Amino acid sequence: MSCYRRLRLSGVLSFSLLAAASTAQAVQVRVTVQNLAPANSVSLAPFRLGFGHGTFDAFDNNQPAFLLGAATIADAPIVTIAEGGSGATWFPAFQSAEPNADLGSVVGPVIGPFLPGQTNSAIFDIDPMNRFFTFGTMIVPSNDHFLGNDNPMAFEVFDAGGNLVLSSITEDASRIWDAGSETENPANAAFLVGGVNDQRENENLPVTFNFADLAAFNGLTTPAGYTFDSSLLSANTPVLRVSFAVVPEPSSVALVAFGGVALATLRRRRTV
């Protein structure tokens, strides 16, 4: 067999193996979460996320938080994000609405919350047919404030062909929600020295945009050691960026490397 035929056959084989590898597995996506808020202002609880078909809807603006099967407002899916950040019923409700959704979390780099200026990322295996991104993260310190999307189709990360079409989302302070589920009381707030987050007082209000009430926690100390000051925030102050990047499959990278070595070897033989 001539060097030319070996070269052509090697290229076809490498390409075929690479194509098979890329279609046999889900897409690996790196999700990076950045707290853009000024120092001494808001921190972000562990970041809860899901990729799905855009049907799971946990809340709407100016409506009470949807119970979605929960017995009380304290157990409503979005309230388990807004009050404590766990998502204890948010994840099961998402999975019930969209059984094939890809769900996960990104936590802060040192402790659970993302302190101002901190960044961390995680890699998830995502079915690219789960085109839409939904998230929730508690704003701390607070009793029931959070960031999240009320429209489950607001963020289309993949197009119908499975191509990544959204590189990042940025939210400013005007997009901070008040779940309307718990009164602002520092004694019951999360992420305050002396606050007991398991205690709560019902507020019985709808979910609305509201970061002004965070002033209730000004001058108080967080477990991270800083004194909270909500006056550092204006409506257009960026507080969150979420970025998406496709990560090459390890097997695909290996195949590309193998193909490169094979081609280099054939070139050397041809020049001898």
C-alpha atoms as a PDB file:
ATOM      1  CA  MET A   1       0.000   0.000   0.000  1.00  0.00           C
ATOM      2  CA  SER A   2       1.391   3.427  -0.933  1.00  0.00           C
ATOM      3  CA  CYS A   3       2.115   6.097   1.664  1.00  0.00           C
ATOM      4  CA  TYR A   4      -0.675   8.193   0.098  1.00  0.00           C
ATOM      5  CA  ARG A   5      -3.257   5.425   0.565  1.00  0.00           C
ATOM      6  CA  ARG A   6      -2.119   4.794   4.160  1.00  0.00           C
ATOM      7  CA  LEU A   7      -2.422   8.515   4.881  1.00  0.00           C
ATOM      8  CA  ARG A   8      -5.911   8.760   3.374  1.00  0.00           C
ATOM      9  CA  LEU A   9      -7.120   5.613   5.139  1.00  0.00           C
ATOM     10  CA  SER A  10      -5.738   6.799   8.484  1.00  0.00           C
ATOM     11  CA  GLY A  11      -7.542  10.127   8.121  1.00  0.00           C
ATOM     12  CA  VAL A  12     -10.860   8.490   7.243  1.00  0.00           C
ATOM     13  CA  LEU A  13     -10.540   6.017  10.121  1.00  0.00           C
ATOM     14  CA  SER A  14      -9.730   8.747  12.639  1.00  0.00           C
ATOM     15  CA  PHE A  15     -12.636  10.884  11.427  1.00  0.00           C
ATOM     16  CA  SER A  16     -15.057   7.942  11.595  1.00  0.00           C
ATOM     17  CA  LEU A  17     -14.026   7.022  15.123  1.00  0.00           C
ATOM     18  CA  LEU A  18     -14.298  10.653  16.219  1.00  0.00           C
ATOM     19  CA  ALA A  19     -17.785  10.984  14.742  1.00  0.00           C
ATOM     20  CA  ALA A  20     -18.907   7.782  16.454  1.00  0.00           C
ATOM     21  CA  ALA A  21     -17.539   8.967  19.788  1.00  0.00           C
ATOM     22  CA  SER A  22     -19.206  12.381  19.545  1.00  0.00           C
ATOM     23  CA  THR A  23     -22.654  10.986  18.737  1.00  0.00           C
ATOM     24  CA  ALA A  24     -22.597   8.167  21.285  1.00  0.00           C
ATOM     25  CA  GLN A  25     -22.336  10.382  24.386  1.00  0.00           C
ATOM     26  CA  ALA A  26     -24.031  13.390  25.929  1.00  0.00           C
ATOM     27  CA  VAL A  27     -22.375  16.775  25.562  1.00  0.00           C
ATOM     28  CA  GLN A  28     -20.133  17.771  28.447  1.00  0.00           C
ATOM     29  CA  VAL A  29     -20.825  21.351  29.483  1.00  0.00           C
ATOM     30  CA  ARG A  30     -18.811  23.409  31.931  1.00  0.00           C
ATOM     31  CA  VAL A  31     -21.092  25.728  33.907  1.00  0.00           C
ATOM     32  CA  THR A  32     -19.213  28.576  35.590  1.00  0.00           C
ATOM     33  CA  VAL A  33     -20.850  30.687  38.289  1.00  0.00           C
ATOM     34  CA  GLN A  34     -19.425  34.090  39.245  1.00  0.00           C
ATOM     35  CA  ASN A  35     -20.612  36.339  42.054  1.00  0.00           C
ATOM     36  CA  LEU A  36     -20.128  39.802  40.523  1.00  0.00           C
ATOM     37  CA  ALA A  37     -21.494  41.721  43.511  1.00  0.00           C
ATOM     38  CA  PRO A  38     -19.331  44.330  45.297  1.00  0.00           C
ATOM     39  CA  ALA A  39     -17.346  43.294  48.378  1.00  0.00           C
ATOM     40  CA  ASN A  40     -19.396  43.360  51.606  1.00  0.00           C
ATOM     41  CA  SER A  41     -22.677  42.986  49.721  1.00  0.00           C
ATOM     42  CA  VAL A  42     -24.642  39.882  48.718  1.00  0.00           C
ATOM     43  CA  SER A  43     -23.357  36.337  48.661  1.00  0.00           C
ATOM     44  CA  LEU A  44     -24.976  33.525  46.668  1.00  0.00           C
ATOM     45  CA  ALA A  45     -26.041  30.224  48.192  1.00  0.00           C
ATOM     46  CA  PRO A  46     -25.113  27.015  46.312  1.00  0.00           C
ATOM     47  CA  PHE A  47     -26.321  27.361  42.746  1.00  0.00           C
ATOM     48  CA  ARG A  48     -29.091  24.936  41.721  1.00  0.00           C
ATOM     49  CA  LEU A  49     -29.629  24.276  38.013  1.00  0.00           C
ATOM     50  CA  GLY A  50     -31.414  22.190  35.443  1.00  0.00           C
ATOM     51  CA  PHE A  51     -31.346  21.672  31.682  1.00  0.00           C
ATOM     52  CA  GLY A  52     -34.708  20.631  30.280  1.00  0.00           C
ATOM     53  CA  HIS A  53     -37.419  21.113  27.682  1.00  0.00           C
ATOM     54  CA  GLY A  54     -38.690  24.372  29.185  1.00  0.00           C
ATOM     55  CA  THR A  55     -41.828  23.146  30.931  1.00  0.00           C
ATOM     56  CA  PHE A  56     -40.879  23.218  34.638  1.00  0.00           C
ATOM     57  CA  ASP A  57     -42.214  26.487  36.079  1.00  0.00           C
ATOM     58  CA  ALA A  58     -41.841  27.064  39.843  1.00  0.00           C
ATOM     59  CA  PHE A  59     -43.079  30.659  40.040  1.00  0.00           C
ATOM     60  CA  ASP A  60     -44.385  33.664  38.143  1.00  0.00           C
ATOM     61  CA  ASN A  61     -43.970  37.376  38.803  1.00  0.00           C
ATOM     62  CA  ASN A  62     -46.685  38.836  41.063  1.00  0.00           C
ATOM     63  CA  GLN A  63     -48.110  35.404  41.879  1.00  0.00           C
ATOM     64  CA  PRO A  64     -47.700  33.379  45.090  1.00  0.00           C
ATOM     65  CA  ALA A  65     -45.018  30.710  44.804  1.00  0.00           C
ATOM     66  CA  PHE A  66     -46.491  27.607  43.162  1.00  0.00           C
ATOM     67  CA  LEU A  67     -46.994  24.742  45.609  1.00  0.00           C
ATOM     68  CA  LEU A  68     -46.643  22.038  42.903  1.00  0.00           C
ATOM     69  CA  GLY A  69     -47.850  19.374  45.298  1.00  0.00           C
ATOM     70  CA  ALA A  70     -46.256  20.794  48.454  1.00  0.00           C
ATOM     71  CA  ALA A  71     -48.452  20.904  51.556  1.00  0.00           C
ATOM     72  CA  THR A  72     -47.357  24.351  52.744  1.00  0.00           C
ATOM     73  CA  ILE A  73     -45.723  27.460  51.307  1.00  0.00           C
ATOM     74  CA  ALA A  74     -42.542  26.661  53.235  1.00  0.00           C
ATOM     75  CA  ASP A  75     -42.202  23.505  51.129  1.00  0.00           C
ATOM     76  CA  ALA A  76     -43.023  25.107  47.755  1.00  0.00           C
ATOM     77  CA  PRO A  77     -40.188  24.293  45.320  1.00  0.00           C
ATOM     78  CA  ILE A  78     -38.945  27.841  44.767  1.00  0.00           C
ATOM     79  CA  VAL A  79     -39.276  28.597  48.491  1.00  0.00           C
ATOM     80  CA  THR A  80     -36.819  25.804  49.299  1.00  0.00           C
ATOM     81  CA  ILE A  81     -34.396  27.771  47.100  1.00  0.00           C
ATOM     82  CA  ALA A  82     -35.316  31.176  48.561  1.00  0.00           C
ATOM     83  CA  GLU A  83     -35.350  30.078  52.216  1.00  0.00           C
ATOM     84  CA  GLY A  84     -32.084  28.279  52.871  1.00  0.00           C
ATOM     85  CA  GLY A  85     -30.950  27.471  49.328  1.00  0.00           C
ATOM     86  CA  SER A  86     -31.270  23.681  49.516  1.00  0.00           C
ATOM     87  CA  GLY A  87     -33.770  23.133  46.707  1.00  0.00           C
ATOM     88  CA  ALA A  88     -35.107  20.181  48.725  1.00  0.00           C
ATOM     89  CA  THR A  89     -38.404  20.121  46.822  1.00  0.00           C
ATOM     90  CA  TRP A  90     -37.227  22.089  43.759  1.00  0.00           C
ATOM     91  CA  PHE A  91     -35.198  19.171  42.398  1.00  0.00           C
ATOM     92  CA  PRO A  92     -37.972  16.548  42.802  1.00  0.00           C
ATOM     93  CA  ALA A  93     -40.561  18.918  41.294  1.00  0.00           C
ATOM     94  CA  PHE A  94     -38.268  19.575  38.310  1.00  0.00           C
ATOM     95  CA  GLN A  95     -37.710  15.836  37.832  1.00  0.00           C
ATOM     96  CA  SER A  96     -41.452  15.168  38.091  1.00  0.00           C
ATOM     97  CA  ALA A  97     -42.258  17.786  35.444  1.00  0.00           C
ATOM     98  CA  GLU A  98     -39.367  16.751  33.178  1.00  0.00           C
ATOM     99  CA  PRO A  99     -38.208  13.167  33.885  1.00  0.00           C
ATOM    100  CA  ASN A 100     -35.298  13.421  31.421  1.00  0.00           C
ATOM    101  CA  ALA A 101     -33.961  16.746  32.692  1.00  0.00           C
ATOM    102  CA  ASP A 102     -30.295  17.072  33.674  1.00  0.00           C
ATOM    103  CA  LEU A 103     -30.042  18.549  37.180  1.00  0.00           C
ATOM    104  CA  GLY A 104     -27.161  19.610  39.405  1.00  0.00           C
ATOM    105  CA  SER A 105     -25.467  22.192  41.594  1.00  0.00           C
ATOM    106  CA  VAL A 106     -22.390  24.408  41.621  1.00  0.00           C
ATOM    107  CA  VAL A 107     -21.092  25.341  45.060  1.00  0.00           C
ATOM    108  CA  GLY A 108     -18.717  28.069  46.154  1.00  0.00           C
ATOM    109  CA  PRO A 109     -14.972  27.428  45.971  1.00  0.00           C
ATOM    110  CA  VAL A 110     -14.336  27.536  49.735  1.00  0.00           C
ATOM    111  CA  ILE A 111     -17.617  27.271  51.637  1.00  0.00           C
ATOM    112  CA  GLY A 112     -21.107  26.563  50.295  1.00  0.00           C
ATOM    113  CA  PRO A 113     -21.989  30.162  49.341  1.00  0.00           C
ATOM    114  CA  PHE A 114     -20.230  32.224  46.692  1.00  0.00           C
ATOM    115  CA  LEU A 115     -18.814  35.272  48.465  1.00  0.00           C
ATOM    116  CA  PRO A 116     -18.562  38.532  46.495  1.00  0.00           C
ATOM    117  CA  GLY A 117     -15.962  38.125  43.747  1.00  0.00           C
ATOM    118  CA  GLN A 118     -15.790  34.323  43.950  1.00  0.00           C
ATOM    119  CA  THR A 119     -16.065  31.933  40.993  1.00  0.00           C
ATOM    120  CA  ASN A 120     -16.403  28.198  40.622  1.00  0.00           C
ATOM    121  CA  SER A 121     -17.464  25.737  37.938  1.00  0.00           C
ATOM    122  CA  ALA A 122     -18.614  22.169  37.436  1.00  0.00           C
ATOM    123  CA  ILE A 123     -18.901  19.907  34.394  1.00  0.00           C
ATOM    124  CA  PHE A 124     -22.183  18.170  33.579  1.00  0.00           C
ATOM    125  CA  ASP A 125     -23.166  15.540  31.017  1.00  0.00           C
ATOM    126  CA  ILE A 126     -26.075  17.190  29.201  1.00  0.00           C
ATOM    127  CA  ASP A 127     -28.480  15.783  26.633  1.00  0.00           C
ATOM    128  CA  PRO A 128     -28.404  18.603  24.036  1.00  0.00           C
ATOM    129  CA  MET A 129     -32.119  18.032  23.479  1.00  0.00           C
ATOM    130  CA  ASN A 130     -32.532  19.553  26.954  1.00  0.00           C
ATOM    131  CA  ARG A 131     -32.195  22.961  25.364  1.00  0.00           C
ATOM    132  CA  PHE A 132     -33.420  25.290  28.106  1.00  0.00           C
ATOM    133  CA  PHE A 133     -31.669  26.344  31.313  1.00  0.00           C
ATOM    134  CA  THR A 134     -33.423  27.010  34.623  1.00  0.00           C
ATOM    135  CA  PHE A 135     -31.687  28.022  37.844  1.00  0.00           C
ATOM    136  CA  GLY A 136     -32.201  29.223  41.390  1.00  0.00           C
ATOM    137  CA  THR A 137     -29.826  30.554  44.036  1.00  0.00           C
ATOM    138  CA  MET A 138     -30.634  32.157  47.369  1.00  0.00           C
ATOM    139  CA  ILE A 139     -29.366  35.677  48.002  1.00  0.00           C
ATOM    140  CA  VAL A 140     -27.727  35.866  51.431  1.00  0.00           C
ATOM    141  CA  PRO A 141     -28.026  37.319  53.920  1.00  0.00           C
ATOM    142  CA  SER A 142     -31.804  37.290  53.632  1.00  0.00           C
ATOM    143  CA  ASN A 143     -34.906  35.415  54.680  1.00  0.00           C
ATOM    144  CA  ASP A 144     -36.369  34.650  51.244  1.00  0.00           C
ATOM    145  CA  HIS A 145     -34.565  36.495  48.432  1.00  0.00           C
ATOM    146  CA  PHE A 146     -33.199  34.711  45.397  1.00  0.00           C
ATOM    147  CA  LEU A 147     -32.155  34.865  41.754  1.00  0.00           C
ATOM    148  CA  GLY A 148     -33.834  32.643  39.170  1.00  0.00           C
ATOM    149  CA  ASN A 149     -35.896  32.633  35.989  1.00  0.00           C
ATOM    150  CA  ASP A 150     -39.690  32.690  36.097  1.00  0.00           C
ATOM    151  CA  ASN A 151     -39.906  31.830  32.389  1.00  0.00           C
ATOM    152  CA  PRO A 152     -38.577  28.279  31.859  1.00  0.00           C
ATOM    153  CA  MET A 153     -37.864  29.054  28.205  1.00  0.00           C
ATOM    154  CA  ALA A 154     -36.006  32.305  28.850  1.00  0.00           C
ATOM    155  CA  PHE A 155     -32.530  30.825  28.388  1.00  0.00           C
ATOM    156  CA  GLU A 156     -32.063  28.597  25.324  1.00  0.00           C
ATOM    157  CA  VAL A 157     -28.566  27.149  25.672  1.00  0.00           C
ATOM    158  CA  PHE A 158     -28.768  24.685  22.752  1.00  0.00           C
ATOM    159  CA  ASP A 159     -30.579  25.115  19.455  1.00  0.00           C
ATOM    160  CA  ALA A 160     -32.720  22.400  17.854  1.00  0.00           C
ATOM    161  CA  GLY A 161     -29.594  20.966  16.218  1.00  0.00           C
ATOM    162  CA  GLY A 162     -27.825  20.512  19.559  1.00  0.00           C
ATOM    163  CA  ASN A 163     -25.417  23.427  19.051  1.00  0.00           C
ATOM    164  CA  LEU A 164     -24.429  25.657  21.961  1.00  0.00           C
ATOM    165  CA  VAL A 165     -25.972  29.066  21.236  1.00  0.00           C
ATOM    166  CA  LEU A 166     -25.785  30.858  24.610  1.00  0.00           C
ATOM    167  CA  SER A 167     -22.391  31.595  26.150  1.00  0.00           C
ATOM    168  CA  SER A 168     -23.441  33.469  29.313  1.00  0.00           C
ATOM    169  CA  ILE A 169     -26.206  35.016  31.415  1.00  0.00           C
ATOM    170  CA  THR A 170     -25.692  38.140  33.523  1.00  0.00           C
ATOM    171  CA  GLU A 171     -28.148  39.254  36.213  1.00  0.00           C
ATOM    172  CA  ASP A 172     -28.116  42.594  38.017  1.00  0.00           C
ATOM    173  CA  ALA A 173     -29.572  43.600  41.376  1.00  0.00           C
ATOM    174  CA  SER A 174     -32.881  44.608  39.807  1.00  0.00           C
ATOM    175  CA  ARG A 175     -33.425  40.900  39.051  1.00  0.00           C
ATOM    176  CA  ILE A 176     -33.322  39.865  42.729  1.00  0.00           C
ATOM    177  CA  TRP A 177     -36.631  38.283  43.722  1.00  0.00           C
ATOM    178  CA  ASP A 178     -38.444  38.350  47.061  1.00  0.00           C
ATOM    179  CA  ALA A 179     -40.351  35.066  47.362  1.00  0.00           C
ATOM    180  CA  GLY A 180     -42.966  36.753  49.561  1.00  0.00           C
ATOM    181  CA  SER A 181     -42.977  33.683  51.773  1.00  0.00           C
ATOM    182  CA  GLU A 182     -41.183  34.962  54.895  1.00  0.00           C
ATOM    183  CA  THR A 183     -40.937  38.308  56.662  1.00  0.00           C
ATOM    184  CA  GLU A 184     -37.587  40.122  56.775  1.00  0.00           C
ATOM    185  CA  ASN A 185     -36.298  39.339  60.251  1.00  0.00           C
ATOM    186  CA  PRO A 186     -32.556  39.127  60.930  1.00  0.00           C
ATOM    187  CA  ALA A 187     -33.169  36.699  63.795  1.00  0.00           C
ATOM    188  CA  ASN A 188     -34.468  34.172  61.253  1.00  0.00           C
ATOM    189  CA  ALA A 189     -32.204  35.032  58.324  1.00  0.00           C
ATOM    190  CA  ALA A 190     -29.657  32.834  56.607  1.00  0.00           C
ATOM    191  CA  PHE A 191     -25.947  33.706  56.597  1.00  0.00           C
ATOM    192  CA  LEU A 192     -25.981  36.066  59.584  1.00  0.00           C
ATOM    193  CA  VAL A 193     -24.149  35.563  62.849  1.00  0.00           C
ATOM    194  CA  GLY A 194     -26.894  34.711  65.348  1.00  0.00           C
ATOM    195  CA  GLY A 195     -29.541  34.087  62.680  1.00  0.00           C
ATOM    196  CA  VAL A 196     -31.525  30.857  62.923  1.00  0.00           C
ATOM    197  CA  ASN A 197     -32.686  30.083  59.399  1.00  0.00           C
ATOM    198  CA  ASP A 198     -34.929  27.196  60.498  1.00  0.00           C
ATOM    199  CA  GLN A 199     -37.183  29.730  62.204  1.00  0.00           C
ATOM    200  CA  ARG A 200     -39.663  31.525  59.958  1.00  0.00           C
ATOM    201  CA  GLU A 201     -42.674  33.857  59.980  1.00  0.00           C
ATOM    202  CA  ASN A 202     -45.132  33.615  57.084  1.00  0.00           C
ATOM    203  CA  GLU A 203     -45.452  36.735  54.948  1.00  0.00           C
ATOM    204  CA  ASN A 204     -48.154  35.551  52.518  1.00  0.00           C
ATOM    205  CA  LEU A 205     -47.201  37.830  49.625  1.00  0.00           C
ATOM    206  CA  PRO A 206     -46.581  37.127  45.917  1.00  0.00           C
ATOM    207  CA  VAL A 207     -43.149  36.699  44.343  1.00  0.00           C
ATOM    208  CA  THR A 208     -41.863  40.108  43.195  1.00  0.00           C
ATOM    209  CA  PHE A 209     -38.639  41.823  42.202  1.00  0.00           C
ATOM    210  CA  ASN A 210     -37.329  43.494  45.357  1.00  0.00           C
ATOM    211  CA  PHE A 211     -33.763  44.075  46.510  1.00  0.00           C
ATOM    212  CA  ALA A 212     -34.561  47.160  48.609  1.00  0.00           C
ATOM    213  CA  ASP A 213     -35.679  45.038  51.585  1.00  0.00           C
ATOM    214  CA  LEU A 214     -32.143  43.693  51.934  1.00  0.00           C
ATOM    215  CA  ALA A 215     -31.478  46.914  53.872  1.00  0.00           C
ATOM    216  CA  ALA A 216     -32.975  45.129  56.876  1.00  0.00           C
ATOM    217  CA  PHE A 217     -29.622  43.339  57.265  1.00  0.00           C
ATOM    218  CA  ASN A 218     -27.300  46.352  56.945  1.00  0.00           C
ATOM    219  CA  GLY A 219     -24.629  46.600  59.601  1.00  0.00           C
ATOM    220  CA  LEU A 220     -24.916  42.935  60.589  1.00  0.00           C
ATOM    221  CA  THR A 221     -22.062  40.432  60.446  1.00  0.00           C
ATOM    222  CA  THR A 222     -21.981  37.433  58.137  1.00  0.00           C
ATOM    223  CA  PRO A 223     -20.272  34.105  58.990  1.00  0.00           C
ATOM    224  CA  ALA A 224     -17.651  35.052  56.385  1.00  0.00           C
ATOM    225  CA  GLY A 225     -16.638  37.937  58.669  1.00  0.00           C
ATOM    226  CA  TYR A 226     -17.783  40.932  56.645  1.00  0.00           C
ATOM    227  CA  THR A 227     -20.376  43.533  57.627  1.00  0.00           C
ATOM    228  CA  PHE A 228     -23.257  43.554  55.184  1.00  0.00           C
ATOM    229  CA  ASP A 229     -24.131  46.739  53.303  1.00  0.00           C
ATOM    230  CA  SER A 230     -26.933  46.679  50.718  1.00  0.00           C
ATOM    231  CA  SER A 231     -26.308  50.337  49.830  1.00  0.00           C
ATOM    232  CA  LEU A 232     -23.443  49.079  47.660  1.00  0.00           C
ATOM    233  CA  LEU A 233     -26.078  47.777  45.244  1.00  0.00           C
ATOM    234  CA  SER A 234     -28.008  49.808  42.697  1.00  0.00           C
ATOM    235  CA  ALA A 235     -30.575  48.446  40.269  1.00  0.00           C
ATOM    236  CA  ASN A 236     -27.968  47.984  37.518  1.00  0.00           C
ATOM    237  CA  THR A 237     -25.197  46.521  39.697  1.00  0.00           C
ATOM    238  CA  PRO A 238     -24.173  43.128  38.218  1.00  0.00           C
ATOM    239  CA  VAL A 239     -24.464  40.369  40.813  1.00  0.00           C
ATOM    240  CA  LEU A 240     -24.282  37.096  38.852  1.00  0.00           C
ATOM    241  CA  ARG A 241     -22.780  35.692  35.676  1.00  0.00           C
ATOM    242  CA  VAL A 242     -23.369  32.124  34.510  1.00  0.00           C
ATOM    243  CA  SER A 243     -21.206  30.922  31.612  1.00  0.00           C
ATOM    244  CA  PHE A 244     -21.498  27.831  29.412  1.00  0.00           C
ATOM    245  CA  ALA A 245     -18.748  26.073  27.459  1.00  0.00           C
ATOM    246  CA  VAL A 246     -18.689  22.697  25.735  1.00  0.00           C
ATOM    247  CA  VAL A 247     -15.849  20.520  26.986  1.00  0.00           C
ATOM    248  CA  PRO A 248     -14.228  18.117  24.490  1.00  0.00           C
ATOM    249  CA  GLU A 249     -14.878  14.479  25.326  1.00  0.00           C
ATOM    250  CA  PRO A 250     -11.723  12.793  26.731  1.00  0.00           C
ATOM    251  CA  SER A 251     -12.133   9.965  24.181  1.00  0.00           C
ATOM    252  CA  SER A 252     -12.469  12.480  21.353  1.00  0.00           C
ATOM    253  CA  VAL A 253      -9.347  14.302  22.444  1.00  0.00           C
ATOM    254  CA  ALA A 254      -7.498  10.981  22.543  1.00  0.00           C
ATOM    255  CA  LEU A 255      -8.675  10.106  19.045  1.00  0.00           C
ATOM    256  CA  VAL A 256      -7.605  13.480  17.692  1.00  0.00           C
ATOM    257  CA  ALA A 257      -4.197  13.008  19.308  1.00  0.00           C
ATOM    258  CA  PHE A 258      -3.942   9.485  17.915  1.00  0.00           C
ATOM    259  CA  GLY A 259      -4.842  10.733  14.443  1.00  0.00           C
ATOM    260  CA  GLY A 260      -2.225  13.477  14.708  1.00  0.00           C
ATOM    261  CA  VAL A 261       0.491  11.004  15.731  1.00  0.00           C
ATOM    262  CA  ALA A 262      -0.473   8.640  12.900  1.00  0.00           C
ATOM    263  CA  LEU A 263      -0.370  11.397  10.315  1.00  0.00           C
ATOM    264  CA  ALA A 264       2.964  12.674  11.591  1.00  0.00           C
ATOM    265  CA  THR A 265       4.396   9.139  11.395  1.00  0.00           C
ATOM    266  CA  LEU A 266       3.222   8.699   7.819  1.00  0.00           C
ATOM    267  CA  ARG A 267       4.687  12.047   6.814  1.00  0.00           C
ATOM    268  CA  ARG A 268       8.051  11.016   8.270  1.00  0.00           C
ATOM    269  CA  ARG A 269       7.966   7.715   6.343  1.00  0.00           C
ATOM    270  CA  ARG A 270       7.122   9.510   3.131  1.00  0.00           C
ATOM    271  CA  THR A 271      10.079  11.863   3.399  1.00  0.00           C
ATOM    272  CA  VAL A 272      12.620   9.085   4.121  1.00  0.00           C
END
